[in-house]
Amino acid sequence: MYYRRDFTPGGTYFFTVVTAERRPLLAEPATVTLLRGAFRTAMTHHPFRIDAIVVLPDHLHTIWTLPEGDSDYPRRWNRIKSLFTAGCPAHFRPIPSATRIGRREQGVWQRRFWEHRIRDCASAWKSRPVSGVIGVQNPTTS
């Protein structure tokens, strides 16, 4: 099956990113701190605005706005996932299978991510229901 991604320069996107095998890696304060650092580092090299983010134990939802003329969100996700994985303590990483080793994967994240471009307020709310949210924090106001 072929999935066609939307690459609109300067677009606003809703993303869902999930840990491999839905392991609750993001339930630990230390790994959330590591995730924040990965975001900060990625943002220094490839800027974007985080409009909202919700971190749950086994996945996260976030809304980003990319700079005008830029649509390369896959590069940003690659960088964030790579930085997080590199800093992730060994006891959080499973022993990778032969397939994962062949693909240079560590088994921390699912291979892909879900993305939806937000065109207007209605599409933002229809994009993906968020359930089981413990807390929502707007990073621009805190």
N, C-alpha and C. Protein backbone atom coordinates (compact mmCIF):
# COMPACT_ATOMS: atom_id res chain seq x y z
N MET A 1 0.84 -1.18 0.00
CA MET A 1 0.00 0.00 0.00
C MET A 1 0.89 1.25 0.00
N TYR A 2 0.53 2.18 -0.82
CA TYR A 2 1.29 3.41 -0.95
C TYR A 2 0.57 4.51 -0.18
N TYR A 3 1.30 5.16 0.72
CA TYR A 3 0.73 6.27 1.49
C TYR A 3 1.35 7.55 0.98
N ARG A 4 0.52 8.47 0.63
CA ARG A 4 0.99 9.75 0.10
C ARG A 4 0.96 10.81 1.20
N ARG A 5 2.10 11.36 1.51
CA ARG A 5 2.19 12.40 2.53
C ARG A 5 1.95 13.77 1.93
N ASP A 6 1.48 14.67 2.75
CA ASP A 6 1.22 16.05 2.34
C ASP A 6 2.44 16.89 2.71
N PHE A 7 3.07 17.48 1.73
CA PHE A 7 4.24 18.33 1.96
C PHE A 7 3.91 19.76 1.54
N THR A 8 3.21 20.48 2.41
CA THR A 8 2.84 21.86 2.14
C THR A 8 3.83 22.78 2.86
N PRO A 9 4.63 23.54 2.13
CA PRO A 9 5.59 24.44 2.79
C PRO A 9 4.89 25.40 3.75
N GLY A 10 5.44 25.53 4.95
CA GLY A 10 4.87 26.42 5.94
C GLY A 10 3.59 25.89 6.58
N GLY A 11 3.27 24.62 6.33
CA GLY A 11 2.02 24.05 6.82
C GLY A 11 2.01 23.78 8.32
N THR A 12 0.81 23.58 8.82
CA THR A 12 0.61 23.18 10.21
C THR A 12 0.14 21.73 10.19
N TYR A 13 0.79 20.89 10.98
CA TYR A 13 0.55 19.44 10.94
C TYR A 13 0.27 18.88 12.32
N PHE A 14 -0.59 17.89 12.35
CA PHE A 14 -0.86 17.10 13.55
C PHE A 14 -0.13 15.77 13.37
N PHE A 15 0.65 15.35 14.36
CA PHE A 15 1.42 14.11 14.28
C PHE A 15 1.09 13.20 15.47
N THR A 16 1.15 11.91 15.21
CA THR A 16 1.15 10.91 16.27
C THR A 16 2.38 10.04 16.05
N VAL A 17 3.19 9.90 17.08
CA VAL A 17 4.41 9.09 17.02
C VAL A 17 4.32 8.09 18.17
N VAL A 18 4.61 6.81 17.87
CA VAL A 18 4.39 5.73 18.83
C VAL A 18 5.69 4.98 19.10
N THR A 19 5.88 4.57 20.34
CA THR A 19 7.06 3.77 20.68
C THR A 19 6.89 2.36 20.10
N ALA A 20 8.00 1.68 19.88
CA ALA A 20 7.97 0.32 19.34
C ALA A 20 7.23 -0.59 20.33
N GLU A 21 6.35 -1.40 19.79
CA GLU A 21 5.58 -2.35 20.58
C GLU A 21 4.80 -1.67 21.70
N ARG A 22 4.59 -0.38 21.53
CA ARG A 22 3.84 0.44 22.51
C ARG A 22 4.37 0.30 23.94
N ARG A 23 5.68 0.17 24.03
CA ARG A 23 6.29 0.12 25.36
C ARG A 23 6.17 1.49 26.01
N PRO A 24 5.91 1.57 27.33
CA PRO A 24 5.69 2.85 28.01
C PRO A 24 6.99 3.60 28.34
N LEU A 25 7.79 3.84 27.32
CA LEU A 25 9.08 4.52 27.52
C LEU A 25 8.92 5.94 28.02
N LEU A 26 7.82 6.58 27.65
CA LEU A 26 7.66 8.00 27.97
C LEU A 26 6.96 8.22 29.31
N ALA A 27 6.82 7.16 30.09
CA ALA A 27 6.22 7.27 31.42
C ALA A 27 7.23 7.72 32.47
N GLU A 28 8.50 7.61 32.15
CA GLU A 28 9.58 7.96 33.08
C GLU A 28 9.99 9.42 32.91
N PRO A 29 10.12 10.18 34.00
CA PRO A 29 10.55 11.58 33.89
C PRO A 29 11.88 11.74 33.16
N ALA A 30 12.80 10.80 33.35
CA ALA A 30 14.12 10.90 32.69
C ALA A 30 13.99 10.81 31.17
N THR A 31 13.10 9.97 30.69
CA THR A 31 12.96 9.84 29.24
C THR A 31 12.19 11.03 28.65
N VAL A 32 11.29 11.62 29.42
CA VAL A 32 10.61 12.82 28.95
C VAL A 32 11.62 13.97 28.85
N THR A 33 12.52 14.06 29.81
CA THR A 33 13.58 15.07 29.76
C THR A 33 14.46 14.85 28.53
N LEU A 34 14.78 13.60 28.26
CA LEU A 34 15.56 13.26 27.07
C LEU A 34 14.81 13.66 25.79
N LEU A 35 13.51 13.41 25.76
CA LEU A 35 12.70 13.78 24.61
C LEU A 35 12.70 15.30 24.41
N ARG A 36 12.57 16.05 25.50
CA ARG A 36 12.63 17.52 25.40
C ARG A 36 13.96 17.97 24.81
N GLY A 37 15.04 17.36 25.26
CA GLY A 37 16.36 17.71 24.72
C GLY A 37 16.48 17.39 23.24
N ALA A 38 15.90 16.26 22.82
CA ALA A 38 15.92 15.89 21.40
C ALA A 38 15.15 16.91 20.57
N PHE A 39 14.00 17.34 21.08
CA PHE A 39 13.23 18.37 20.38
C PHE A 39 14.03 19.67 20.29
N ARG A 40 14.61 20.10 21.39
CA ARG A 40 15.37 21.36 21.39
C ARG A 40 16.52 21.32 20.39
N THR A 41 17.27 20.23 20.40
CA THR A 41 18.40 20.11 19.48
C THR A 41 17.94 20.11 18.03
N ALA A 42 16.90 19.34 17.74
CA ALA A 42 16.38 19.29 16.37
C ALA A 42 15.90 20.68 15.92
N MET A 43 15.27 21.40 16.84
CA MET A 43 14.74 22.72 16.49
C MET A 43 15.84 23.74 16.23
N THR A 44 17.03 23.56 16.81
CA THR A 44 18.11 24.50 16.53
C THR A 44 18.64 24.33 15.11
N HIS A 45 18.60 23.12 14.59
CA HIS A 45 19.11 22.86 13.23
C HIS A 45 18.03 22.99 12.16
N HIS A 46 16.81 22.64 12.52
CA HIS A 46 15.68 22.67 11.57
C HIS A 46 14.49 23.28 12.31
N PRO A 47 14.38 24.60 12.33
CA PRO A 47 13.36 25.27 13.14
C PRO A 47 11.92 24.87 12.77
N PHE A 48 11.07 24.87 13.76
CA PHE A 48 9.63 24.72 13.61
C PHE A 48 9.01 25.19 14.91
N ARG A 49 7.72 25.45 14.88
CA ARG A 49 7.02 25.89 16.09
C ARG A 49 6.15 24.74 16.60
N ILE A 50 6.25 24.46 17.89
CA ILE A 50 5.37 23.48 18.51
C ILE A 50 4.16 24.26 19.02
N ASP A 51 3.01 24.01 18.41
CA ASP A 51 1.78 24.69 18.83
C ASP A 51 1.15 23.98 20.02
N ALA A 52 1.30 22.67 20.09
CA ALA A 52 0.78 21.89 21.21
C ALA A 52 1.47 20.53 21.20
N ILE A 53 1.54 19.91 22.38
CA ILE A 53 2.12 18.57 22.47
C ILE A 53 1.51 17.86 23.68
N VAL A 54 1.22 16.60 23.51
CA VAL A 54 0.73 15.75 24.58
C VAL A 54 1.60 14.50 24.58
N VAL A 55 2.25 14.23 25.69
CA VAL A 55 3.12 13.07 25.81
C VAL A 55 2.43 12.05 26.72
N LEU A 56 2.17 10.89 26.18
CA LEU A 56 1.55 9.79 26.92
C LEU A 56 2.61 8.69 27.08
N PRO A 57 2.38 7.69 27.92
CA PRO A 57 3.43 6.70 28.19
C PRO A 57 4.00 6.00 26.96
N ASP A 58 3.16 5.72 25.94
CA ASP A 58 3.65 4.95 24.80
C ASP A 58 3.55 5.68 23.45
N HIS A 59 3.13 6.92 23.47
CA HIS A 59 3.07 7.70 22.22
C HIS A 59 2.93 9.18 22.55
N LEU A 60 3.02 9.98 21.51
CA LEU A 60 2.81 11.42 21.69
C LEU A 60 2.03 11.97 20.51
N HIS A 61 1.31 13.04 20.78
CA HIS A 61 0.60 13.80 19.76
C HIS A 61 1.18 15.20 19.80
N THR A 62 1.36 15.79 18.64
CA THR A 62 1.87 17.16 18.61
C THR A 62 1.37 17.88 17.37
N ILE A 63 1.28 19.18 17.48
CA ILE A 63 0.94 20.04 16.35
C ILE A 63 2.12 20.97 16.12
N TRP A 64 2.61 20.96 14.89
CA TRP A 64 3.75 21.80 14.51
C TRP A 64 3.34 22.74 13.39
N THR A 65 3.98 23.89 13.36
CA THR A 65 3.91 24.78 12.20
C THR A 65 5.34 24.93 11.68
N LEU A 66 5.51 24.64 10.40
CA LEU A 66 6.83 24.73 9.78
C LEU A 66 7.08 26.14 9.24
N PRO A 67 8.34 26.50 9.08
CA PRO A 67 8.65 27.83 8.52
C PRO A 67 8.16 27.95 7.07
N GLU A 68 7.91 29.17 6.67
CA GLU A 68 7.52 29.43 5.27
C GLU A 68 8.55 28.81 4.33
N GLY A 69 8.08 28.16 3.29
CA GLY A 69 8.96 27.58 2.29
C GLY A 69 9.59 26.25 2.69
N ASP A 70 9.25 25.72 3.85
CA ASP A 70 9.84 24.47 4.35
C ASP A 70 8.75 23.44 4.61
N SER A 71 8.92 22.23 4.07
CA SER A 71 7.95 21.17 4.28
C SER A 71 8.61 19.87 4.75
N ASP A 72 9.85 19.94 5.19
CA ASP A 72 10.61 18.73 5.50
C ASP A 72 10.43 18.26 6.95
N TYR A 73 9.22 17.88 7.30
CA TYR A 73 9.00 17.35 8.64
C TYR A 73 9.58 15.95 8.83
N PRO A 74 9.70 15.11 7.79
CA PRO A 74 10.33 13.80 8.01
C PRO A 74 11.77 13.92 8.54
N ARG A 75 12.51 14.88 8.04
CA ARG A 75 13.88 15.08 8.53
C ARG A 75 13.88 15.44 10.00
N ARG A 76 12.95 16.26 10.42
CA ARG A 76 12.85 16.65 11.82
C ARG A 76 12.52 15.44 12.71
N TRP A 77 11.54 14.63 12.28
CA TRP A 77 11.21 13.43 13.06
C TRP A 77 12.38 12.46 13.11
N ASN A 78 13.09 12.32 12.01
CA ASN A 78 14.25 11.43 11.99
C ASN A 78 15.28 11.90 13.02
N ARG A 79 15.50 13.19 13.06
CA ARG A 79 16.49 13.75 14.00
C ARG A 79 16.04 13.58 15.46
N ILE A 80 14.77 13.87 15.72
CA ILE A 80 14.25 13.74 17.09
C ILE A 80 14.33 12.29 17.55
N LYS A 81 13.87 11.37 16.71
CA LYS A 81 13.91 9.96 17.08
C LYS A 81 15.35 9.47 17.26
N SER A 82 16.25 9.89 16.39
CA SER A 82 17.65 9.47 16.48
C SER A 82 18.31 9.99 17.75
N LEU A 83 18.09 11.26 18.06
CA LEU A 83 18.68 11.85 19.27
C LEU A 83 18.14 11.17 20.53
N PHE A 84 16.84 10.94 20.56
CA PHE A 84 16.24 10.27 21.71
C PHE A 84 16.81 8.87 21.87
N THR A 85 16.87 8.12 20.78
CA THR A 85 17.37 6.75 20.82
C THR A 85 18.82 6.70 21.27
N ALA A 86 19.64 7.61 20.76
CA ALA A 86 21.06 7.63 21.12
C ALA A 86 21.26 7.88 22.60
N GLY A 87 20.38 8.68 23.21
CA GLY A 87 20.52 8.99 24.62
C GLY A 87 19.73 8.09 25.55
N CYS A 88 18.93 7.22 24.97
CA CYS A 88 18.06 6.35 25.76
C CYS A 88 18.88 5.29 26.50
N PRO A 89 18.70 5.16 27.81
CA PRO A 89 19.44 4.15 28.56
C PRO A 89 19.20 2.74 28.01
N ALA A 90 20.21 1.91 28.08
CA ALA A 90 20.15 0.56 27.51
C ALA A 90 19.00 -0.26 28.06
N HIS A 91 18.65 -0.08 29.33
CA HIS A 91 17.58 -0.90 29.90
C HIS A 91 16.20 -0.56 29.32
N PHE A 92 16.08 0.55 28.59
CA PHE A 92 14.83 0.88 27.91
C PHE A 92 14.79 0.34 26.48
N ARG A 93 15.92 -0.12 25.99
CA ARG A 93 16.00 -0.61 24.61
C ARG A 93 16.00 -2.13 24.58
N PRO A 94 15.14 -2.72 23.77
CA PRO A 94 15.18 -4.18 23.65
C PRO A 94 16.36 -4.60 22.78
N ILE A 95 16.68 -5.87 22.83
CA ILE A 95 17.71 -6.39 21.91
C ILE A 95 17.07 -6.42 20.53
N PRO A 96 17.64 -5.71 19.57
CA PRO A 96 17.00 -5.63 18.25
C PRO A 96 17.05 -6.96 17.50
N SER A 97 16.00 -7.21 16.74
CA SER A 97 15.94 -8.41 15.90
C SER A 97 16.90 -8.25 14.72
N ALA A 98 17.13 -9.34 14.01
CA ALA A 98 17.99 -9.30 12.82
C ALA A 98 17.43 -8.33 11.78
N THR A 99 16.12 -8.29 11.66
CA THR A 99 15.48 -7.37 10.71
C THR A 99 15.77 -5.93 11.10
N ARG A 100 15.60 -5.62 12.38
CA ARG A 100 15.86 -4.25 12.85
C ARG A 100 17.33 -3.88 12.67
N ILE A 101 18.21 -4.81 12.96
CA ILE A 101 19.65 -4.55 12.77
C ILE A 101 19.93 -4.25 11.31
N GLY A 102 19.35 -5.04 10.42
CA GLY A 102 19.53 -4.82 8.98
C GLY A 102 19.03 -3.47 8.52
N ARG A 103 18.01 -2.97 9.19
CA ARG A 103 17.44 -1.66 8.84
C ARG A 103 18.04 -0.53 9.68
N ARG A 104 19.03 -0.85 10.51
CA ARG A 104 19.68 0.11 11.39
C ARG A 104 18.71 0.73 12.38
N GLU A 105 17.81 -0.09 12.90
CA GLU A 105 16.82 0.36 13.88
C GLU A 105 17.16 -0.19 15.25
N GLN A 106 16.82 0.56 16.26
CA GLN A 106 17.12 0.15 17.64
C GLN A 106 15.91 -0.43 18.36
N GLY A 107 14.74 -0.35 17.77
CA GLY A 107 13.55 -0.89 18.41
C GLY A 107 12.97 0.00 19.49
N VAL A 108 13.23 1.31 19.39
CA VAL A 108 12.69 2.25 20.37
C VAL A 108 11.40 2.87 19.85
N TRP A 109 11.34 3.19 18.56
CA TRP A 109 10.18 3.84 17.95
C TRP A 109 9.58 2.94 16.87
N GLN A 110 8.30 3.11 16.61
CA GLN A 110 7.72 2.50 15.42
C GLN A 110 8.34 3.18 14.21
N ARG A 111 8.43 2.46 13.11
CA ARG A 111 9.12 2.98 11.93
C ARG A 111 8.51 4.27 11.40
N ARG A 112 7.23 4.34 11.41
CA ARG A 112 6.57 5.47 10.77
C ARG A 112 5.91 6.36 11.81
N PHE A 113 5.24 7.39 11.33
CA PHE A 113 4.44 8.26 12.18
C PHE A 113 3.20 8.63 11.39
N TRP A 114 2.17 9.05 12.10
CA TRP A 114 0.93 9.44 11.46
C TRP A 114 0.92 10.96 11.37
N GLU A 115 0.53 11.48 10.22
CA GLU A 115 0.54 12.93 10.01
C GLU A 115 -0.73 13.36 9.31
N HIS A 116 -1.19 14.55 9.64
CA HIS A 116 -2.36 15.15 9.00
C HIS A 116 -2.13 16.65 8.93
N ARG A 117 -2.23 17.22 7.75
CA ARG A 117 -2.08 18.67 7.64
C ARG A 117 -3.37 19.34 8.09
N ILE A 118 -3.23 20.34 8.93
CA ILE A 118 -4.39 21.08 9.43
C ILE A 118 -4.64 22.23 8.47
N ARG A 119 -5.80 22.21 7.86
CA ARG A 119 -6.16 23.23 6.90
C ARG A 119 -6.94 24.37 7.55
N ASP A 120 -7.76 24.01 8.56
CA ASP A 120 -8.59 24.98 9.27
C ASP A 120 -8.97 24.38 10.62
N CYS A 121 -9.71 25.11 11.41
CA CYS A 121 -10.07 24.62 12.75
C CYS A 121 -10.86 23.33 12.68
N ALA A 122 -11.74 23.19 11.71
CA ALA A 122 -12.54 21.98 11.61
C ALA A 122 -11.67 20.75 11.35
N SER A 123 -10.68 20.89 10.48
CA SER A 123 -9.81 19.73 10.19
C SER A 123 -8.93 19.40 11.38
N ALA A 124 -8.63 20.40 12.21
CA ALA A 124 -7.81 20.14 13.40
C ALA A 124 -8.55 19.23 14.35
N TRP A 125 -9.83 19.45 14.56
CA TRP A 125 -10.59 18.64 15.51
C TRP A 125 -10.96 17.29 14.92
N LYS A 126 -11.11 17.20 13.60
CA LYS A 126 -11.44 15.92 12.98
C LYS A 126 -10.22 15.04 12.78
N SER A 127 -9.02 15.61 12.86
CA SER A 127 -7.82 14.89 12.48
C SER A 127 -7.59 13.61 13.26
N ARG A 128 -7.77 13.65 14.57
CA ARG A 128 -7.52 12.44 15.36
C ARG A 128 -8.03 12.68 16.77
N PRO A 129 -8.94 11.84 17.22
CA PRO A 129 -9.40 12.03 18.60
C PRO A 129 -8.30 11.67 19.58
N VAL A 130 -8.17 12.45 20.62
CA VAL A 130 -7.17 12.20 21.65
C VAL A 130 -7.92 11.76 22.90
N SER A 131 -7.62 10.55 23.37
CA SER A 131 -8.31 10.05 24.56
C SER A 131 -7.27 9.66 25.60
N GLY A 132 -7.69 9.64 26.82
CA GLY A 132 -6.81 9.23 27.91
C GLY A 132 -5.74 10.25 28.24
N VAL A 133 -6.00 11.50 27.93
CA VAL A 133 -5.00 12.55 28.16
C VAL A 133 -4.93 12.88 29.64
N ILE A 134 -3.74 12.83 30.18
CA ILE A 134 -3.54 13.15 31.58
C ILE A 134 -3.43 14.66 31.74
N GLY A 135 -2.72 15.30 30.87
CA GLY A 135 -2.54 16.74 30.96
C GLY A 135 -2.12 17.30 29.62
N VAL A 136 -2.55 18.47 29.32
CA VAL A 136 -2.18 19.13 28.08
C VAL A 136 -1.48 20.44 28.45
N GLN A 137 -0.36 20.68 27.82
CA GLN A 137 0.39 21.90 28.11
C GLN A 137 0.77 22.53 26.79
N ASN A 138 0.47 23.80 26.66
CA ASN A 138 0.88 24.55 25.49
C ASN A 138 2.28 25.08 25.76
N PRO A 139 3.29 24.58 25.01
CA PRO A 139 4.67 24.99 25.30
C PRO A 139 4.95 26.46 25.07
N THR A 140 4.07 27.15 24.36
CA THR A 140 4.32 28.57 24.09
C THR A 140 3.87 29.45 25.24
N THR A 141 3.07 28.90 26.18
CA THR A 141 2.58 29.72 27.28
C THR A 141 3.20 29.35 28.62
N SER A 142 4.10 28.37 28.62
CA SER A 142 4.70 27.97 29.90
C SER A 142 6.19 28.14 29.91
